[in-house]
């Protein structure tokens, strides 16, 4: 008899947790935030690699430009 009452209390608690929609908004925000971060990573990764090669090209150009007074031969 006691185990049946305990089982009913557990069942009632689980049912209220399953059908409660109070935390659904939090889950929606977590999923939406994860999607935005994932899309940003997909978009920004190629840009980051291109920025590195562009900065190398600029550095090579600057290294070849004579500076100071006179020539740097």
PDB file of N, CA and C in Angstrom:
ATOM      1  N   UNK A   1       0.824  -1.192   0.000  1.00  0.00           N
ATOM      2  CA  UNK A   1       0.000   0.000   0.000  1.00  0.00           C
ATOM      3  C   UNK A   1       0.868   1.255   0.000  1.00  0.00           C
ATOM      4  N   UNK A   2       1.919   1.233   0.812  1.00  0.00           N
ATOM      5  CA  UNK A   2       2.802   2.393   0.880  1.00  0.00           C
ATOM      6  C   UNK A   2       3.550   2.566  -0.427  1.00  0.00           C
ATOM      7  N   UNK A   3       3.992   1.477  -1.029  1.00  0.00           N
ATOM      8  CA  UNK A   3       4.734   1.572  -2.285  1.00  0.00           C
ATOM      9  C   UNK A   3       3.848   2.102  -3.415  1.00  0.00           C
ATOM     10  N   UNK A   4       2.583   1.781  -3.372  1.00  0.00           N
ATOM     11  CA  UNK A   4       1.662   2.299  -4.392  1.00  0.00           C
ATOM     12  C   UNK A   4       1.508   3.798  -4.230  1.00  0.00           C
ATOM     13  N   UNK A   5       1.428   4.278  -3.003  1.00  0.00           N
ATOM     14  CA  UNK A   5       1.301   5.715  -2.750  1.00  0.00           C
ATOM     15  C   UNK A   5       2.572   6.450  -3.187  1.00  0.00           C
ATOM     16  N   UNK A   6       3.714   5.861  -2.909  1.00  0.00           N
ATOM     17  CA  UNK A   6       4.981   6.465  -3.326  1.00  0.00           C
ATOM     18  C   UNK A   6       5.062   6.482  -4.847  1.00  0.00           C
ATOM     19  N   UNK A   7       4.664   5.386  -5.461  1.00  0.00           N
ATOM     20  CA  UNK A   7       4.664   5.310  -6.920  1.00  0.00           C
ATOM     21  C   UNK A   7       3.745   6.370  -7.518  1.00  0.00           C
ATOM     22  N   UNK A   8       2.575   6.574  -6.937  1.00  0.00           N
ATOM     23  CA  UNK A   8       1.638   7.583  -7.438  1.00  0.00           C
ATOM     24  C   UNK A   8       2.212   8.991  -7.275  1.00  0.00           C
ATOM     25  N   UNK A   9       2.917   9.245  -6.171  1.00  0.00           N
ATOM     26  CA  UNK A   9       3.532  10.564  -5.967  1.00  0.00           C
ATOM     27  C   UNK A   9       4.632  10.812  -7.007  1.00  0.00           C
ATOM     28  N   UNK A  10       5.437   9.790  -7.250  1.00  0.00           N
ATOM     29  CA  UNK A  10       6.497   9.921  -8.252  1.00  0.00           C
ATOM     30  C   UNK A  10       5.888  10.122  -9.636  1.00  0.00           C
ATOM     31  N   UNK A  11       4.860   9.356  -9.929  1.00  0.00           N
ATOM     32  CA  UNK A  11       4.185   9.465 -11.226  1.00  0.00           C
ATOM     33  C   UNK A  11       3.575  10.853 -11.400  1.00  0.00           C
ATOM     34  N   UNK A  12       2.950  11.357 -10.343  1.00  0.00           N
ATOM     35  CA  UNK A  12       2.359  12.687 -10.397  1.00  0.00           C
ATOM     36  C   UNK A  12       3.435  13.761 -10.597  1.00  0.00           C
ATOM     37  N   UNK A  13       4.562  13.623  -9.899  1.00  0.00           N
ATOM     38  CA  UNK A  13       5.651  14.590 -10.037  1.00  0.00           C
ATOM     39  C   UNK A  13       6.237  14.560 -11.443  1.00  0.00           C
ATOM     40  N   UNK A  14       6.454  13.380 -11.988  1.00  0.00           N
ATOM     41  CA  UNK A  14       6.974  13.267 -13.340  1.00  0.00           C
ATOM     42  C   UNK A  14       6.010  13.839 -14.372  1.00  0.00           C
ATOM     43  N   UNK A  15       4.739  13.593 -14.171  1.00  0.00           N
ATOM     44  CA  UNK A  15       3.734  14.120 -15.100  1.00  0.00           C
ATOM     45  C   UNK A  15       3.729  15.646 -15.080  1.00  0.00           C
ATOM     46  N   UNK A  16       3.846  16.229 -13.890  1.00  0.00           N
ATOM     47  CA  UNK A  16       3.852  17.693 -13.821  1.00  0.00           C
ATOM     48  C   UNK A  16       5.116  18.275 -14.445  1.00  0.00           C
ATOM     49  N   UNK A  17       6.242  17.583 -14.329  1.00  0.00           N
ATOM     50  CA  UNK A  17       7.476  18.055 -14.946  1.00  0.00           C
ATOM     51  C   UNK A  17       7.391  17.941 -16.461  1.00  0.00           C
ATOM     52  N   UNK A  18       6.839  16.851 -16.946  1.00  0.00           N
ATOM     53  CA  UNK A  18       6.757  16.630 -18.390  1.00  0.00           C
ATOM     54  C   UNK A  18       5.821  17.628 -19.060  1.00  0.00           C
ATOM     55  N   UNK A  19       4.700  17.911 -18.439  1.00  0.00           N
ATOM     56  CA  UNK A  19       3.703  18.784 -19.064  1.00  0.00           C
ATOM     57  C   UNK A  19       3.865  20.251 -18.692  1.00  0.00           C
ATOM     58  N   UNK A  20       4.814  20.575 -17.850  1.00  0.00           N
ATOM     59  CA  UNK A  20       5.050  21.963 -17.476  1.00  0.00           C
ATOM     60  C   UNK A  20       5.803  22.657 -18.605  1.00  0.00           C
ATOM     61  N   UNK A  21       5.299  23.782 -19.076  1.00  0.00           N
ATOM     62  CA  UNK A  21       5.914  24.503 -20.188  1.00  0.00           C
ATOM     63  C   UNK A  21       6.697  25.721 -19.727  1.00  0.00           C
ATOM     64  N   UNK A  22       6.942  25.852 -18.465  1.00  0.00           N
ATOM     65  CA  UNK A  22       7.616  27.027 -17.946  1.00  0.00           C
ATOM     66  C   UNK A  22       9.068  27.113 -18.405  1.00  0.00           C
ATOM     67  N   UNK A  23       9.762  26.006 -18.536  1.00  0.00           N
ATOM     68  CA  UNK A  23      11.158  26.004 -18.953  1.00  0.00           C
ATOM     69  C   UNK A  23      11.346  25.936 -20.457  1.00  0.00           C
ATOM     70  N   UNK A  24      10.253  25.863 -21.208  1.00  0.00           N
ATOM     71  CA  UNK A  24      10.356  25.721 -22.660  1.00  0.00           C
ATOM     72  C   UNK A  24      10.986  26.943 -23.303  1.00  0.00           C
ATOM     73  N   UNK A  25      10.744  28.114 -22.748  1.00  0.00           N
ATOM     74  CA  UNK A  25      11.318  29.338 -23.311  1.00  0.00           C
ATOM     75  C   UNK A  25      12.837  29.311 -23.154  1.00  0.00           C
ATOM     76  N   UNK A  26      13.310  28.825 -22.032  1.00  0.00           N
ATOM     77  CA  UNK A  26      14.745  28.721 -21.811  1.00  0.00           C
ATOM     78  C   UNK A  26      15.375  27.773 -22.826  1.00  0.00           C
ATOM     79  N   UNK A  27      14.743  26.669 -23.051  1.00  0.00           N
ATOM     80  CA  UNK A  27      15.257  25.709 -24.033  1.00  0.00           C
ATOM     81  C   UNK A  27      15.273  26.339 -25.418  1.00  0.00           C
ATOM     82  N   UNK A  28      14.240  27.082 -25.761  1.00  0.00           N
ATOM     83  CA  UNK A  28      14.199  27.755 -27.060  1.00  0.00           C
ATOM     84  C   UNK A  28      15.369  28.723 -27.212  1.00  0.00           C
ATOM     85  N   UNK A  29      15.647  29.497 -26.170  1.00  0.00           N
ATOM     86  CA  UNK A  29      16.745  30.459 -26.226  1.00  0.00           C
ATOM     87  C   UNK A  29      18.093  29.761 -26.335  1.00  0.00           C
ATOM     88  N   UNK A  30      18.255  28.656 -25.648  1.00  0.00           N
ATOM     89  CA  UNK A  30      19.518  27.918 -25.720  1.00  0.00           C
ATOM     90  C   UNK A  30      19.725  27.374 -27.134  1.00  0.00           C
ATOM     91  N   UNK A  31      18.694  26.810 -27.717  1.00  0.00           N
ATOM     92  CA  UNK A  31      18.798  26.270 -29.074  1.00  0.00           C
ATOM     93  C   UNK A  31      19.046  27.396 -30.071  1.00  0.00           C
ATOM     94  N   UNK A  32      18.344  28.505 -29.928  1.00  0.00           N
ATOM     95  CA  UNK A  32      18.529  29.643 -30.826  1.00  0.00           C
ATOM     96  C   UNK A  32      19.936  30.212 -30.702  1.00  0.00           C
ATOM     97  N   UNK A  33      20.435  30.343 -29.482  1.00  0.00           N
ATOM     98  CA  UNK A  33      21.795  30.861 -29.279  1.00  0.00           C
ATOM     99  C   UNK A  33      22.832  29.917 -29.878  1.00  0.00           C
ATOM    100  N   UNK A  34      22.658  28.635 -29.692  1.00  0.00           N
ATOM    101  CA  UNK A  34      23.593  27.665 -30.256  1.00  0.00           C
ATOM    102  C   UNK A  34      23.583  27.726 -31.784  1.00  0.00           C
ATOM    103  N   UNK A  35      22.416  27.905 -32.366  1.00  0.00           N
ATOM    104  CA  UNK A  35      22.323  27.999 -33.826  1.00  0.00           C
ATOM    105  C   UNK A  35      23.029  29.250 -34.334  1.00  0.00           C
ATOM    106  N   UNK A  36      22.850  30.361 -33.657  1.00  0.00           N
ATOM    107  CA  UNK A  36      23.500  31.608 -34.073  1.00  0.00           C
ATOM    108  C   UNK A  36      25.011  31.484 -33.954  1.00  0.00           C
ATOM    109  N   UNK A  37      25.489  30.899 -32.863  1.00  0.00           N
ATOM    110  CA  UNK A  37      26.931  30.718 -32.685  1.00  0.00           C
ATOM    111  C   UNK A  37      27.490  29.780 -33.752  1.00  0.00           C
ATOM    112  N   UNK A  38      26.770  28.717 -34.057  1.00  0.00           N
ATOM    113  CA  UNK A  38      27.217  27.789 -35.095  1.00  0.00           C
ATOM    114  C   UNK A  38      27.297  28.445 -36.459  1.00  0.00           C
ATOM    115  N   UNK A  39      26.297  29.226 -36.811  1.00  0.00           N
ATOM    116  CA  UNK A  39      26.307  29.926 -38.101  1.00  0.00           C
ATOM    117  C   UNK A  39      27.447  30.937 -38.144  1.00  0.00           C
ATOM    118  N   UNK A  40      27.667  31.642 -37.041  1.00  0.00           N
ATOM    119  CA  UNK A  40      28.762  32.618 -36.990  1.00  0.00           C
ATOM    120  C   UNK A  40      30.113  31.932 -37.177  1.00  0.00           C
ATOM    121  N   UNK A  41      30.282  30.765 -36.580  1.00  0.00           N
ATOM    122  CA  UNK A  41      31.540  30.040 -36.742  1.00  0.00           C
ATOM    123  C   UNK A  41      31.744  29.608 -38.190  1.00  0.00           C
ATOM    124  N   UNK A  42      30.683  29.152 -38.826  1.00  0.00           N
ATOM    125  CA  UNK A  42      30.781  28.716 -40.227  1.00  0.00           C
ATOM    126  C   UNK A  42      31.124  29.897 -41.127  1.00  0.00           C
ATOM    127  N   UNK A  43      30.546  31.060 -40.846  1.00  0.00           N
ATOM    128  CA  UNK A  43      30.778  32.231 -41.688  1.00  0.00           C
ATOM    129  C   UNK A  43      32.143  32.857 -41.406  1.00  0.00           C
ATOM    130  N   UNK A  44      32.537  32.937 -40.145  1.00  0.00           N
ATOM    131  CA  UNK A  44      33.752  33.666 -39.794  1.00  0.00           C
ATOM    132  C   UNK A  44      35.041  32.860 -39.958  1.00  0.00           C
ATOM    133  N   UNK A  45      34.975  31.552 -39.998  1.00  0.00           N
ATOM    134  CA  UNK A  45      36.185  30.742 -40.146  1.00  0.00           C
ATOM    135  C   UNK A  45      36.908  31.025 -41.469  1.00  0.00           C
ATOM    136  N   UNK A  46      36.241  31.025 -42.608  1.00  0.00           N
ATOM    137  CA  UNK A  46      36.963  31.353 -43.854  1.00  0.00           C
ATOM    138  C   UNK A  46      37.500  32.782 -43.858  1.00  0.00           C
ATOM    139  N   UNK A  47      36.766  33.686 -43.245  1.00  0.00           N
ATOM    140  CA  UNK A  47      37.222  35.077 -43.191  1.00  0.00           C
ATOM    141  C   UNK A  47      38.500  35.171 -42.374  1.00  0.00           C
ATOM    142  N   UNK A  48      38.587  34.433 -41.295  1.00  0.00           N
ATOM    143  CA  UNK A  48      39.786  34.463 -40.457  1.00  0.00           C
ATOM    144  C   UNK A  48      41.004  33.960 -41.226  1.00  0.00           C
ATOM    145  N   UNK A  49      40.856  32.910 -42.018  1.00  0.00           N
ATOM    146  CA  UNK A  49      41.989  32.396 -42.792  1.00  0.00           C
ATOM    147  C   UNK A  49      42.393  33.365 -43.896  1.00  0.00           C
ATOM    148  N   UNK A  50      41.432  34.011 -44.526  1.00  0.00           N
ATOM    149  CA  UNK A  50      41.746  34.975 -45.571  1.00  0.00           C
ATOM    150  C   UNK A  50      42.420  36.205 -44.981  1.00  0.00           C
ATOM    151  N   UNK A  51      42.045  36.601 -43.795  1.00  0.00           N
ATOM    152  CA  UNK A  51      42.664  37.752 -43.141  1.00  0.00           C
ATOM    153  C   UNK A  51      44.139  37.476 -42.884  1.00  0.00           C
ATOM    154  N   UNK A  52      44.463  36.242 -42.491  1.00  0.00           N
ATOM    155  CA  UNK A  52      45.854  35.879 -42.245  1.00  0.00           C
ATOM    156  C   UNK A  52      46.692  35.988 -43.502  1.00  0.00           C
ATOM    157  N   UNK A  53      46.185  35.505 -44.620  1.00  0.00           N
ATOM    158  CA  UNK A  53      46.955  35.564 -45.861  1.00  0.00           C
ATOM    159  C   UNK A  53      47.045  37.002 -46.359  1.00  0.00           C
ATOM    160  N   UNK A  54      46.000  37.789 -46.169  1.00  0.00           N
ATOM    161  CA  UNK A  54      46.043  39.191 -46.584  1.00  0.00           C
ATOM    162  C   UNK A  54      47.057  39.966 -45.757  1.00  0.00           C
ATOM    163  N   UNK A  55      47.132  39.684 -44.468  1.00  0.00           N
ATOM    164  CA  UNK A  55      48.102  40.386 -43.626  1.00  0.00           C
ATOM    165  C   UNK A  55      49.530  39.979 -43.995  1.00  0.00           C
ATOM    166  N   UNK A  56      49.728  38.739 -44.410  1.00  0.00           N
ATOM    167  CA  UNK A  56      51.054  38.312 -44.872  1.00  0.00           C
ATOM    168  C   UNK A  56      51.447  39.055 -46.146  1.00  0.00           C
ATOM    169  N   UNK A  57      50.500  39.248 -47.048  1.00  0.00           N
ATOM    170  CA  UNK A  57      50.781  39.983 -48.280  1.00  0.00           C
ATOM    171  C   UNK A  57      51.129  41.440 -47.978  1.00  0.00           C
ATOM    172  N   UNK A  58      50.418  42.043 -47.050  1.00  0.00           N
ATOM    173  CA  UNK A  58      50.708  43.423 -46.666  1.00  0.00           C
ATOM    174  C   UNK A  58      52.087  43.507 -46.020  1.00  0.00           C
ATOM    175  N   UNK A  59      52.416  42.560 -45.160  1.00  0.00           N
ATOM    176  CA  UNK A  59      53.729  42.555 -44.514  1.00  0.00           C
ATOM    177  C   UNK A  59      54.844  42.399 -45.543  1.00  0.00           C
ATOM    178  N   UNK A  60      54.648  41.543 -46.533  1.00  0.00           N
ATOM    179  CA  UNK A  60      55.656  41.365 -47.581  1.00  0.00           C
ATOM    180  C   UNK A  60      55.834  42.656 -48.387  1.00  0.00           C
ATOM    181  N   UNK A  61      54.742  43.321 -48.688  1.00  0.00           N
ATOM    182  CA  UNK A  61      54.819  44.581 -49.428  1.00  0.00           C
ATOM    183  C   UNK A  61      55.558  45.641 -48.615  1.00  0.00           C
ATOM    184  N   UNK A  62      55.214  45.766 -47.333  1.00  0.00           N
ATOM    185  CA  UNK A  62      55.853  46.774 -46.486  1.00  0.00           C
ATOM    186  C   UNK A  62      57.339  46.475 -46.331  1.00  0.00           C
ATOM    187  N   UNK A  63      57.698  45.196 -46.244  1.00  0.00           N
ATOM    188  CA  UNK A  63      59.113  44.835 -46.123  1.00  0.00           C
ATOM    189  C   UNK A  63      59.900  45.238 -47.362  1.00  0.00           C
ATOM    190  N   UNK A  64      59.263  45.283 -48.510  1.00  0.00           N
ATOM    191  CA  UNK A  64      59.949  45.637 -49.755  1.00  0.00           C
ATOM    192  C   UNK A  64      59.995  47.116 -50.032  1.00  0.00           C
ATOM    193  N   UNK A  65      59.259  47.928 -49.283  1.00  0.00           N
ATOM    194  CA  UNK A  65      59.229  49.370 -49.515  1.00  0.00           C
ATOM    195  C   UNK A  65      60.429  50.014 -48.824  1.00  0.00           C
ATOM    196  N   UNK A  66      61.208  50.810 -49.573  1.00  0.00           N
ATOM    197  CA  UNK A  66      62.338  51.493 -48.927  1.00  0.00           C
ATOM    198  C   UNK A  66      61.842  52.541 -47.934  1.00  0.00           C
ATOM    199  N   UNK A  67      62.534  52.647 -46.825  1.00  0.00           N
ATOM    200  CA  UNK A  67      62.137  53.610 -45.803  1.00  0.00           C
ATOM    201  C   UNK A  67      63.348  54.395 -45.327  1.00  0.00           C
ATOM    202  N   UNK A  68      63.113  55.498 -44.740  1.00  0.00           N
ATOM    203  CA  UNK A  68      64.209  56.321 -44.221  1.00  0.00           C
ATOM    204  C   UNK A  68      64.778  57.223 -45.296  1.00  0.00           C
ATOM    205  N   UNK A  69      65.943  57.789 -45.021  1.00  0.00           N
ATOM    206  CA  UNK A  69      66.597  58.715 -45.960  1.00  0.00           C
ATOM    207  C   UNK A  69      67.522  57.926 -46.862  1.00  0.00           C
ATOM    208  N   UNK A  70      67.480  58.231 -48.100  1.00  0.00           N
ATOM    209  CA  UNK A  70      68.351  57.542 -49.046  1.00  0.00           C
ATOM    210  C   UNK A  70      67.816  56.189 -49.408  1.00  0.00           C
ATOM    211  N   UNK A  71      68.643  55.375 -49.991  1.00  0.00           N
ATOM    212  CA  UNK A  71      68.220  54.040 -50.380  1.00  0.00           C
ATOM    213  C   UNK A  71      68.682  53.028 -49.359  1.00  0.00           C
ATOM    214  N   UNK A  72      68.009  51.925 -49.321  1.00  0.00           N
ATOM    215  CA  UNK A  72      68.347  50.847 -48.376  1.00  0.00           C
ATOM    216  C   UNK A  72      69.025  49.696 -49.100  1.00  0.00           C
ATOM    217  N   UNK A  73      69.911  49.978 -50.021  1.00  0.00           N
ATOM    218  CA  UNK A  73      70.556  48.918 -50.785  1.00  0.00           C
ATOM    219  C   UNK A  73      71.556  48.167 -49.966  1.00  0.00           C
TER     220      UNK A  73
END
